[in-house]
Amino acid sequence: MNDPFFIGLDSKDPAKVVLGMAFKSSTVQLRDASVHYVSGGNGPAIIFLHGFSQDWYEFSQVMHLLADRYTVIAIDLRGIGESKAGRADYDAETQANDIHALVSQLGIKDPYIVAHDMGGMIGYVYARLYPSETRGVAILDGPLPGTPSTDLMVKLPILWHFTFHRLPKLPERLIGDREYTYFKRAFFLRFAKNKQAMTDADMRHYASAYKIPEQLRAGLGLYRTYRTNQAFMKAHRDELHVPILLLEGDYGSGKPGPTAKELVNKFGCRNVTAQVVVGCGHFMTDEQPHVIADLLQNQA
């Protein structure tokens, strides 16, 4: 392997990742959880938080592109992939505190947070809890419970999974042992604009991060804590000057949605930018990694 910044999947077992010499896989033990992460590079730190149906690997291509200028750290959220959860607490505040504890242990100063999908709320809460300790937050096509647009959006029939995933026990029984098929049909092929951007090996890798009941339960916990996250959002409306970048794919619309204006007008956010990424669906770092890397370089 000649490229020190290589990140790829094992040809025989896509659950395993092959890392170039510039990267390392590590685990940090916190008070009630262990957090797995992959890190590499040099320079100002960028922390990557994945969404549901994926793990840290969704940022592999972006990490490859940025590691020569930044310290890049991609995390498996609590209970997912190689991370473990001592308690079944999956709300955004708890997970933001996980990230802060990790950042503190690693001695990182003022990271930039990049968060996709359900990880977006965690990134936003991190900025709320630690506004003086982050350079900014980028939220990639992620819902923010408590904002009018998100609370309306999750009621749309096309997003039936928001209701389904919050049901007790039933999702585990129906999805368990079928993670690959469920993720592929209900998410990867349905919400990607570029259907070829994610390989079958990629899909199998992501499914492997949820293959045991505790992992799947942790993923579903991102949805089951919706009301808790909603209450946090509504309770925190003081002025926030941390730069927030909202990125959306143009598979839904050619113009940014209303979330940015809601954050400014209703939640006290004073530095919000919204942008649509052309030729991109929901899985932005898989579909347009070079564009995302360029946008982050301009922000972070």
Protein backbone atom coordinates (compact mmCIF):
# COMPACT_ATOMS: atom_id res chain seq x y z
CA MET A 1 0.00 0.00 0.00
CA ASN A 2 1.74 3.18 -1.22
CA ASP A 3 -0.85 5.76 -0.20
CA PRO A 4 -0.50 6.60 3.54
CA PHE A 5 -3.93 8.27 3.41
CA PHE A 6 -5.68 5.17 2.07
CA ILE A 7 -8.95 4.05 3.67
CA GLY A 8 -10.75 1.11 2.11
CA LEU A 9 -12.62 -2.11 2.80
CA ASP A 10 -11.07 -5.54 3.08
CA SER A 11 -11.72 -7.39 -0.19
CA LYS A 12 -12.78 -10.56 1.61
CA ASP A 13 -14.70 -9.08 4.53
CA PRO A 14 -16.27 -5.64 4.01
CA ALA A 15 -16.95 -5.36 7.74
CA LYS A 16 -13.20 -4.79 8.13
CA VAL A 17 -11.45 -1.57 7.10
CA VAL A 18 -7.90 -1.28 5.79
CA LEU A 19 -6.06 1.88 6.87
CA GLY A 20 -2.99 3.53 5.41
CA MET A 21 -0.10 4.47 7.68
CA ALA A 22 -1.45 7.99 8.20
CA PHE A 23 -4.52 6.69 10.06
CA LYS A 24 -5.13 4.70 13.21
CA SER A 25 -8.13 3.06 14.83
CA SER A 26 -8.50 3.68 18.57
CA THR A 27 -10.97 3.42 21.43
CA VAL A 28 -11.32 5.73 24.43
CA GLN A 29 -13.04 4.62 27.63
CA LEU A 30 -15.47 7.17 29.04
CA ARG A 31 -17.51 7.08 32.23
CA ASP A 32 -20.28 4.86 30.87
CA ALA A 33 -19.28 4.20 27.27
CA SER A 34 -16.33 3.40 25.07
CA VAL A 35 -15.98 5.47 21.91
CA HIS A 36 -14.27 4.08 18.83
CA TYR A 37 -12.74 6.48 16.34
CA VAL A 38 -10.39 6.61 13.38
CA SER A 39 -7.97 9.52 13.19
CA GLY A 40 -5.14 10.84 11.10
CA GLY A 41 -3.59 13.90 9.52
CA ASN A 42 -2.22 17.13 10.91
CA GLY A 43 -3.57 20.60 11.57
CA PRO A 44 -6.81 21.98 13.03
CA ALA A 45 -9.15 19.21 14.16
CA ILE A 46 -12.36 18.18 12.40
CA ILE A 47 -14.69 15.77 14.22
CA PHE A 48 -17.04 13.70 12.02
CA LEU A 49 -20.36 12.31 13.34
CA HIS A 50 -22.24 9.81 11.20
CA GLY A 51 -25.97 9.22 10.77
CA PHE A 52 -28.30 6.24 10.99
CA SER A 53 -27.60 3.24 8.76
CA GLN A 54 -23.90 4.20 8.58
CA ASP A 55 -20.83 4.36 10.82
CA TRP A 56 -17.61 6.39 10.88
CA TYR A 57 -16.61 4.97 7.47
CA GLU A 58 -19.09 7.22 5.66
CA PHE A 59 -16.46 9.98 5.97
CA SER A 60 -13.56 7.92 4.63
CA GLN A 61 -13.32 9.67 1.27
CA VAL A 62 -13.57 13.14 2.80
CA MET A 63 -10.94 12.21 5.40
CA HIS A 64 -8.63 11.08 2.61
CA LEU A 65 -9.01 14.45 0.92
CA LEU A 66 -8.52 16.57 4.04
CA ALA A 67 -5.92 14.70 6.09
CA ASP A 68 -2.97 16.59 4.59
CA ARG A 69 -4.33 19.86 6.06
CA TYR A 70 -6.42 18.82 9.06
CA THR A 71 -6.46 16.35 11.90
CA VAL A 72 -9.52 14.29 10.96
CA ILE A 73 -11.35 12.18 13.53
CA ALA A 74 -14.40 10.09 12.61
CA ILE A 75 -16.39 8.58 15.47
CA ASP A 76 -18.72 5.63 15.90
CA LEU A 77 -21.67 7.01 17.86
CA ARG A 78 -22.58 5.48 21.20
CA GLY A 79 -23.38 1.77 20.85
CA ILE A 80 -22.90 1.65 17.06
CA GLY A 81 -20.08 -0.09 15.23
CA GLU A 82 -17.14 -0.59 17.57
CA SER A 83 -18.39 1.85 20.21
CA LYS A 84 -20.11 0.52 23.32
CA ALA A 85 -22.74 1.98 25.62
CA GLY A 86 -22.92 1.13 29.30
CA ARG A 87 -26.32 2.79 29.56
CA ALA A 88 -28.99 3.02 26.88
CA ASP A 89 -28.87 6.82 26.69
CA TYR A 90 -28.87 7.89 23.06
CA ASP A 91 -30.19 11.46 23.26
CA ALA A 92 -28.19 14.21 21.57
CA GLU A 93 -27.08 15.86 24.83
CA THR A 94 -25.59 12.63 26.19
CA GLN A 95 -23.84 11.94 22.90
CA ALA A 96 -22.54 15.50 22.62
CA ASN A 97 -21.04 15.04 26.08
CA ASP A 98 -19.46 11.79 24.85
CA ILE A 99 -17.78 13.73 22.06
CA HIS A 100 -16.64 16.46 24.42
CA ALA A 101 -15.14 13.90 26.80
CA LEU A 102 -13.30 12.31 23.87
CA VAL A 103 -12.05 15.69 22.69
CA SER A 104 -10.82 16.48 26.21
CA GLN A 105 -9.00 13.16 26.56
CA LEU A 106 -7.29 13.65 23.22
CA GLY A 107 -6.27 17.21 24.12
CA ILE A 108 -7.99 18.69 21.07
CA LYS A 109 -8.66 22.43 21.06
CA ASP A 110 -11.62 24.06 19.30
CA PRO A 111 -12.64 21.30 16.87
CA TYR A 112 -14.89 21.85 13.89
CA ILE A 113 -17.86 19.45 14.01
CA VAL A 114 -19.23 17.83 10.85
CA ALA A 115 -22.43 15.86 11.43
CA HIS A 116 -24.64 13.96 9.01
CA ASP A 117 -28.28 12.87 9.22
CA MET A 118 -29.27 11.98 12.83
CA GLY A 119 -25.82 13.01 13.95
CA GLY A 120 -26.76 16.57 12.99
CA MET A 121 -28.67 17.15 16.21
CA ILE A 122 -25.64 15.97 18.19
CA GLY A 123 -23.45 18.47 16.36
CA TYR A 124 -25.93 21.27 17.05
CA VAL A 125 -26.19 20.38 20.74
CA TYR A 126 -22.39 20.32 20.98
CA ALA A 127 -22.30 23.91 19.78
CA ARG A 128 -24.99 24.84 22.29
CA LEU A 129 -23.22 23.18 25.22
CA TYR A 130 -19.67 24.22 24.32
CA PRO A 131 -19.91 27.38 22.21
CA SER A 132 -16.47 28.65 23.23
CA GLU A 133 -14.84 25.32 22.39
CA THR A 134 -15.72 24.81 18.74
CA ARG A 135 -14.83 26.63 15.53
CA GLY A 136 -18.15 25.79 13.94
CA VAL A 137 -20.61 23.08 12.95
CA ALA A 138 -21.61 21.72 9.54
CA ILE A 139 -24.88 19.75 9.45
CA LEU A 140 -25.24 17.58 6.36
CA ASP A 141 -28.89 16.89 5.54
CA GLY A 142 -29.76 16.37 9.18
CA PRO A 143 -33.06 16.93 11.01
CA LEU A 144 -33.21 19.27 14.00
CA PRO A 145 -36.11 18.18 16.23
CA GLY A 146 -37.92 21.19 17.64
CA THR A 147 -37.61 23.32 14.53
CA PRO A 148 -40.99 23.74 12.79
CA SER A 149 -39.67 22.45 9.48
CA THR A 150 -38.26 19.23 10.97
CA ASP A 151 -41.32 18.57 13.14
CA LEU A 152 -43.48 18.89 10.03
CA MET A 153 -41.11 16.95 7.78
CA VAL A 154 -41.00 13.82 9.94
CA LYS A 155 -44.78 13.46 9.55
CA LEU A 156 -44.52 13.08 5.77
CA PRO A 157 -45.44 9.59 4.48
CA ILE A 158 -42.10 9.27 2.66
CA LEU A 159 -40.34 9.51 6.03
CA TRP A 160 -42.40 6.73 7.65
CA HIS A 161 -39.29 5.36 9.29
CA PHE A 162 -39.27 8.18 11.87
CA THR A 163 -42.48 6.76 13.34
CA PHE A 164 -41.56 3.11 12.77
CA HIS A 165 -38.17 3.37 14.47
CA ARG A 166 -39.72 4.88 17.59
CA LEU A 167 -42.01 1.90 18.18
CA PRO A 168 -40.93 -0.33 21.08
CA LYS A 169 -39.35 -3.70 20.21
CA LEU A 170 -41.08 -4.18 16.82
CA PRO A 171 -38.34 -2.60 14.65
CA GLU A 172 -35.68 -4.84 16.21
CA ARG A 173 -37.78 -7.92 15.44
CA LEU A 174 -38.39 -6.95 11.82
CA ILE A 175 -34.96 -5.50 10.99
CA GLY A 176 -32.79 -7.91 13.01
CA ASP A 177 -30.73 -10.23 10.75
CA ARG A 178 -32.02 -8.23 7.75
CA GLU A 179 -29.97 -5.06 8.24
CA TYR A 180 -28.30 -5.18 4.82
CA THR A 181 -31.57 -5.60 2.90
CA TYR A 182 -33.42 -3.04 5.02
CA PHE A 183 -30.73 -0.37 4.79
CA LYS A 184 -30.21 -0.95 1.07
CA ARG A 185 -33.89 -0.81 0.08
CA ALA A 186 -35.27 1.64 2.63
CA PHE A 187 -32.34 4.09 2.74
CA PHE A 188 -29.35 3.74 0.44
CA LEU A 189 -31.17 3.28 -2.87
CA ARG A 190 -34.18 5.38 -1.88
CA PHE A 191 -32.44 8.55 -0.69
CA ALA A 192 -29.29 8.62 -2.81
CA LYS A 193 -29.44 10.61 -6.03
CA ASN A 194 -26.34 8.90 -7.38
CA LYS A 195 -27.29 5.24 -6.96
CA GLN A 196 -23.80 4.06 -7.97
CA ALA A 197 -21.93 6.15 -5.40
CA MET A 198 -22.21 3.47 -2.75
CA THR A 199 -20.92 -0.01 -3.61
CA ASP A 200 -22.44 -3.25 -2.41
CA ALA A 201 -19.38 -3.68 -0.18
CA ASP A 202 -20.03 -0.24 1.33
CA MET A 203 -23.62 -1.23 2.09
CA ARG A 204 -22.53 -4.49 3.67
CA HIS A 205 -19.98 -2.67 5.79
CA TYR A 206 -22.57 -0.22 7.10
CA ALA A 207 -25.01 -3.04 7.85
CA SER A 208 -22.29 -4.82 9.84
CA ALA A 209 -22.16 -1.86 12.26
CA TYR A 210 -25.73 -2.71 13.36
CA LYS A 211 -25.66 -6.51 13.17
CA ILE A 212 -26.01 -7.31 16.87
CA PRO A 213 -29.12 -6.31 18.86
CA GLU A 214 -27.28 -3.75 21.01
CA GLN A 215 -25.96 -1.96 17.93
CA LEU A 216 -29.33 -1.86 16.21
CA ARG A 217 -30.97 -0.67 19.43
CA ALA A 218 -28.44 2.15 19.64
CA GLY A 219 -29.22 3.22 16.09
CA LEU A 220 -32.95 3.18 16.73
CA GLY A 221 -32.27 5.16 19.89
CA LEU A 222 -31.39 8.12 17.70
CA TYR A 223 -35.08 8.20 16.77
CA ARG A 224 -36.55 7.16 20.10
CA THR A 225 -35.00 10.22 21.76
CA TYR A 226 -36.77 12.59 19.35
CA ARG A 227 -38.95 14.19 22.04
CA THR A 228 -35.98 14.64 24.37
CA ASN A 229 -33.99 16.33 21.62
CA GLN A 230 -37.03 18.40 20.70
CA ALA A 231 -37.30 19.62 24.31
CA PHE A 232 -33.59 20.52 24.37
CA MET A 233 -33.96 22.55 21.20
CA LYS A 234 -36.94 24.50 22.50
CA ALA A 235 -35.28 25.16 25.87
CA HIS A 236 -32.14 26.71 24.35
CA ARG A 237 -32.91 29.93 22.51
CA ASP A 238 -30.23 32.29 23.82
CA GLU A 239 -27.90 33.89 21.31
CA LEU A 240 -25.45 31.52 19.68
CA HIS A 241 -22.60 32.90 17.59
CA VAL A 242 -20.97 29.61 16.59
CA PRO A 243 -20.92 29.42 12.76
CA ILE A 244 -23.46 26.86 11.51
CA LEU A 245 -23.40 25.55 7.94
CA LEU A 246 -26.45 23.66 6.70
CA LEU A 247 -25.87 21.52 3.61
CA GLU A 248 -28.67 19.86 1.65
CA GLY A 249 -28.70 17.77 -1.50
CA ASP A 250 -30.60 18.96 -4.56
CA TYR A 251 -32.56 15.70 -4.78
CA GLY A 252 -35.24 17.47 -2.74
CA SER A 253 -35.04 21.06 -3.95
CA GLY A 254 -32.72 23.45 -5.73
CA LYS A 255 -33.10 25.97 -2.91
CA PRO A 256 -32.25 25.68 0.80
CA GLY A 257 -35.13 24.77 3.08
CA PRO A 258 -36.49 26.98 5.86
CA THR A 259 -34.35 25.61 8.70
CA ALA A 260 -31.68 28.32 8.48
CA LYS A 261 -34.26 31.10 8.85
CA GLU A 262 -35.88 29.26 11.75
CA LEU A 263 -32.56 28.99 13.56
CA VAL A 264 -32.01 32.72 13.14
CA ASN A 265 -35.53 33.92 13.90
CA LYS A 266 -36.65 31.44 16.55
CA PHE A 267 -33.54 29.99 18.18
CA GLY A 268 -31.08 32.86 18.51
CA CYS A 269 -28.47 31.58 16.06
CA ARG A 270 -26.58 34.55 14.65
CA ASN A 271 -24.24 32.95 12.12
CA VAL A 272 -26.10 30.49 9.89
CA THR A 273 -25.41 29.66 6.25
CA ALA A 274 -27.42 27.27 4.08
CA GLN A 275 -26.31 25.78 0.78
CA VAL A 276 -27.56 23.16 -1.67
CA VAL A 277 -25.05 20.69 -3.08
CA VAL A 278 -25.76 19.99 -6.75
CA GLY A 279 -25.97 16.40 -7.97
CA CYS A 280 -26.34 15.04 -4.50
CA GLY A 281 -28.86 13.08 -2.47
CA HIS A 282 -28.96 12.33 1.23
CA PHE A 283 -25.67 10.41 1.41
CA MET A 284 -23.57 13.45 0.68
CA THR A 285 -20.10 12.24 1.62
CA ASP A 286 -20.53 9.12 -0.53
CA GLU A 287 -22.09 10.93 -3.48
CA GLN A 288 -20.04 14.14 -3.62
CA PRO A 289 -16.93 13.72 -1.43
CA HIS A 290 -14.79 16.25 -3.33
CA VAL A 291 -17.47 18.94 -3.13
CA ILE A 292 -18.01 18.33 0.58
CA ALA A 293 -14.27 18.38 1.25
CA ASP A 294 -13.91 21.70 -0.61
CA LEU A 295 -16.82 23.25 1.29
CA LEU A 296 -15.43 22.12 4.63
CA GLN A 297 -11.99 23.44 3.78
CA ASN A 298 -13.51 26.88 3.19
CA GLN A 299 -15.40 26.74 6.52
CA ALA A 300 -13.17 24.86 8.93
